[in-house]
Every structure is written in structure tokens, then in C-alpha cells.
Amino acid sequence: MNKKSIDILAITETWLDNSWTDNELVITGYNLFCRDRKTAQGGGIIVYTHNSLSAERRSDLESEQIEQISIEFPMCSDTTILSLSSP
């Protein structure tokens, strides 16, 4: 049986808030990037990237008006993943 792993997993509408710690959300073998909705109930985004991928959060590409997480993959020239959730 072939074993396959997920490289990037993005989840929207997490409903997480600051009562959750990163330790409660960790998946072994993955980097965690998260953004909670601050203005209302609901929303929120989590992105997991496999540890084999070099990934950096690009907060400079994010906006307070749009619920989003921007992640750049330096090993892949000009590759940026953007996860959005519409409030």
C-alpha cells in the first residue's frame, strides 16, 4: 500500500480564538500558521505545511480588512500560497 502525505493543508472557518494555544493545534511533522478572527464570532484560518517544505509567513502581504494568511516558499521561485476566508 502506498503511503501519501499532505504537503499543504488550509482550513477556513476554524472558529478559533485566543483561548487556544498553538500546542493544542500542532500536528506532528507540520508547521502551523494561524489567524483568528478578532472582530466577530466564527471565521479564522489555519494552514499546515509539511516540515519538508521551507515555508515563511508573509505578514507584509496580509491586510487587516481581509481574513487571510500569506505563505511564501523560498525554494520554489516566486511561489506564494494565499488562504482567504470571506467574513
C-alpha atoms as a PDB file:
ATOM      1  CA  MET A   1       0.000   0.000   0.000  1.00  0.00           C
ATOM      2  CA  ASN A   2       1.349   3.424  -0.953  1.00  0.00           C
ATOM      3  CA  LYS A   3       1.521   5.948   1.841  1.00  0.00           C
ATOM      4  CA  LYS A   4       0.888   9.544   0.791  1.00  0.00           C
ATOM      5  CA  SER A   5       1.267  12.670   2.876  1.00  0.00           C
ATOM      6  CA  ILE A   6      -0.303  16.062   2.562  1.00  0.00           C
ATOM      7  CA  ASP A   7       2.123  18.878   1.732  1.00  0.00           C
ATOM      8  CA  ILE A   8      -0.187  21.826   2.438  1.00  0.00           C
ATOM      9  CA  LEU A   9      -3.475  21.822   4.330  1.00  0.00           C
ATOM     10  CA  ALA A  10      -5.568  25.004   4.607  1.00  0.00           C
ATOM     11  CA  ILE A  11      -8.645  25.134   6.822  1.00  0.00           C
ATOM     12  CA  THR A  12     -11.051  28.069   6.981  1.00  0.00           C
ATOM     13  CA  GLU A  13     -13.883  28.793   9.413  1.00  0.00           C
ATOM     14  CA  THR A  14     -11.901  27.339  12.326  1.00  0.00           C
ATOM     15  CA  TRP A  15     -13.824  29.390  14.916  1.00  0.00           C
ATOM     16  CA  LEU A  16     -10.640  29.543  16.983  1.00  0.00           C
ATOM     17  CA  ASP A  17      -9.889  32.459  19.279  1.00  0.00           C
ATOM     18  CA  ASN A  18      -7.059  33.420  21.632  1.00  0.00           C
ATOM     19  CA  SER A  19      -8.212  30.840  24.197  1.00  0.00           C
ATOM     20  CA  TRP A  20      -6.495  28.161  22.060  1.00  0.00           C
ATOM     21  CA  THR A  21      -2.719  27.706  22.273  1.00  0.00           C
ATOM     22  CA  ASP A  22      -0.503  26.674  19.371  1.00  0.00           C
ATOM     23  CA  ASN A  23       0.368  23.495  21.298  1.00  0.00           C
ATOM     24  CA  GLU A  24      -3.267  22.410  21.110  1.00  0.00           C
ATOM     25  CA  LEU A  25      -3.262  22.801  17.324  1.00  0.00           C
ATOM     26  CA  VAL A  26       0.077  21.203  16.424  1.00  0.00           C
ATOM     27  CA  ILE A  27       0.186  18.275  14.022  1.00  0.00           C
ATOM     28  CA  THR A  28       3.465  16.367  14.270  1.00  0.00           C
ATOM     29  CA  GLY A  29       5.552  16.824  11.119  1.00  0.00           C
ATOM     30  CA  TYR A  30       3.878  20.090  10.107  1.00  0.00           C
ATOM     31  CA  ASN A  31       4.450  23.819  10.561  1.00  0.00           C
ATOM     32  CA  LEU A  32       1.457  25.750  11.864  1.00  0.00           C
ATOM     33  CA  PHE A  33       0.301  29.152  10.621  1.00  0.00           C
ATOM     34  CA  CYS A  34      -2.931  30.539  12.042  1.00  0.00           C
ATOM     35  CA  ARG A  35      -5.035  33.660  12.107  1.00  0.00           C
ATOM     36  CA  ASP A  36      -8.054  34.108  14.325  1.00  0.00           C
ATOM     37  CA  ARG A  37     -10.952  36.398  13.529  1.00  0.00           C
ATOM     38  CA  LYS A  38     -10.810  39.259  16.020  1.00  0.00           C
ATOM     39  CA  THR A  39     -13.976  41.218  15.274  1.00  0.00           C
ATOM     40  CA  ALA A  40     -16.765  38.629  15.367  1.00  0.00           C
ATOM     41  CA  GLN A  41     -17.585  35.022  16.156  1.00  0.00           C
ATOM     42  CA  GLY A  42     -16.591  32.421  13.603  1.00  0.00           C
ATOM     43  CA  GLY A  43     -14.027  32.731  10.851  1.00  0.00           C
ATOM     44  CA  GLY A  44     -10.352  32.003  11.315  1.00  0.00           C
ATOM     45  CA  ILE A  45      -7.764  30.257   9.167  1.00  0.00           C
ATOM     46  CA  ILE A  46      -5.135  27.588   9.806  1.00  0.00           C
ATOM     47  CA  VAL A  47      -2.524  26.476   7.290  1.00  0.00           C
ATOM     48  CA  TYR A  48      -0.277  23.484   7.897  1.00  0.00           C
ATOM     49  CA  THR A  49       2.826  22.959   5.739  1.00  0.00           C
ATOM     50  CA  HIS A  50       4.839  19.742   5.785  1.00  0.00           C
ATOM     51  CA  ASN A  51       8.192  20.088   7.588  1.00  0.00           C
ATOM     52  CA  SER A  52       9.991  19.066   4.387  1.00  0.00           C
ATOM     53  CA  LEU A  53       8.888  22.379   2.834  1.00  0.00           C
ATOM     54  CA  SER A  54      10.659  25.617   3.630  1.00  0.00           C
ATOM     55  CA  ALA A  55       7.772  27.993   4.357  1.00  0.00           C
ATOM     56  CA  GLU A  56       7.718  31.559   5.666  1.00  0.00           C
ATOM     57  CA  ARG A  57       4.715  33.641   6.686  1.00  0.00           C
ATOM     58  CA  ARG A  58       4.478  36.898   4.725  1.00  0.00           C
ATOM     59  CA  SER A  59       2.534  39.160   7.085  1.00  0.00           C
ATOM     60  CA  ASP A  60       3.591  42.121   4.933  1.00  0.00           C
ATOM     61  CA  LEU A  61       1.257  40.807   2.196  1.00  0.00           C
ATOM     62  CA  GLU A  62      -1.696  40.481   4.568  1.00  0.00           C
ATOM     63  CA  SER A  63      -4.423  43.032   5.200  1.00  0.00           C
ATOM     64  CA  GLU A  64      -6.497  43.762   8.288  1.00  0.00           C
ATOM     65  CA  GLN A  65      -9.555  44.159   6.022  1.00  0.00           C
ATOM     66  CA  ILE A  66      -9.295  40.640   4.559  1.00  0.00           C
ATOM     67  CA  GLU A  67      -9.031  37.450   6.597  1.00  0.00           C
ATOM     68  CA  GLN A  68      -6.016  35.808   5.015  1.00  0.00           C
ATOM     69  CA  ILE A  69      -2.687  34.054   5.547  1.00  0.00           C
ATOM     70  CA  SER A  70       0.144  34.509   3.042  1.00  0.00           C
ATOM     71  CA  ILE A  71       2.914  31.906   2.971  1.00  0.00           C
ATOM     72  CA  GLU A  72       5.974  32.022   0.740  1.00  0.00           C
ATOM     73  CA  PHE A  73       8.011  29.003  -0.303  1.00  0.00           C
ATOM     74  CA  PRO A  74      11.556  30.311  -0.959  1.00  0.00           C
ATOM     75  CA  MET A  75      12.722  27.050  -2.546  1.00  0.00           C
ATOM     76  CA  CYS A  76      10.076  27.485  -5.256  1.00  0.00           C
ATOM     77  CA  SER A  77      10.860  30.689  -7.074  1.00  0.00           C
ATOM     78  CA  ASP A  78       8.028  33.215  -6.863  1.00  0.00           C
ATOM     79  CA  THR A  79       5.608  30.817  -5.163  1.00  0.00           C
ATOM     80  CA  THR A  80       3.246  32.207  -2.555  1.00  0.00           C
ATOM     81  CA  ILE A  81       0.147  30.487  -1.187  1.00  0.00           C
ATOM     82  CA  LEU A  82      -2.712  32.661  -0.046  1.00  0.00           C
ATOM     83  CA  SER A  83      -5.573  31.300   2.067  1.00  0.00           C
ATOM     84  CA  LEU A  84      -8.633  33.554   2.291  1.00  0.00           C
ATOM     85  CA  SER A  85     -11.863  33.499   4.220  1.00  0.00           C
ATOM     86  CA  SER A  86     -14.633  35.940   3.389  1.00  0.00           C
ATOM     87  CA  PRO A  87     -16.157  37.488   6.523  1.00  0.00           C
END
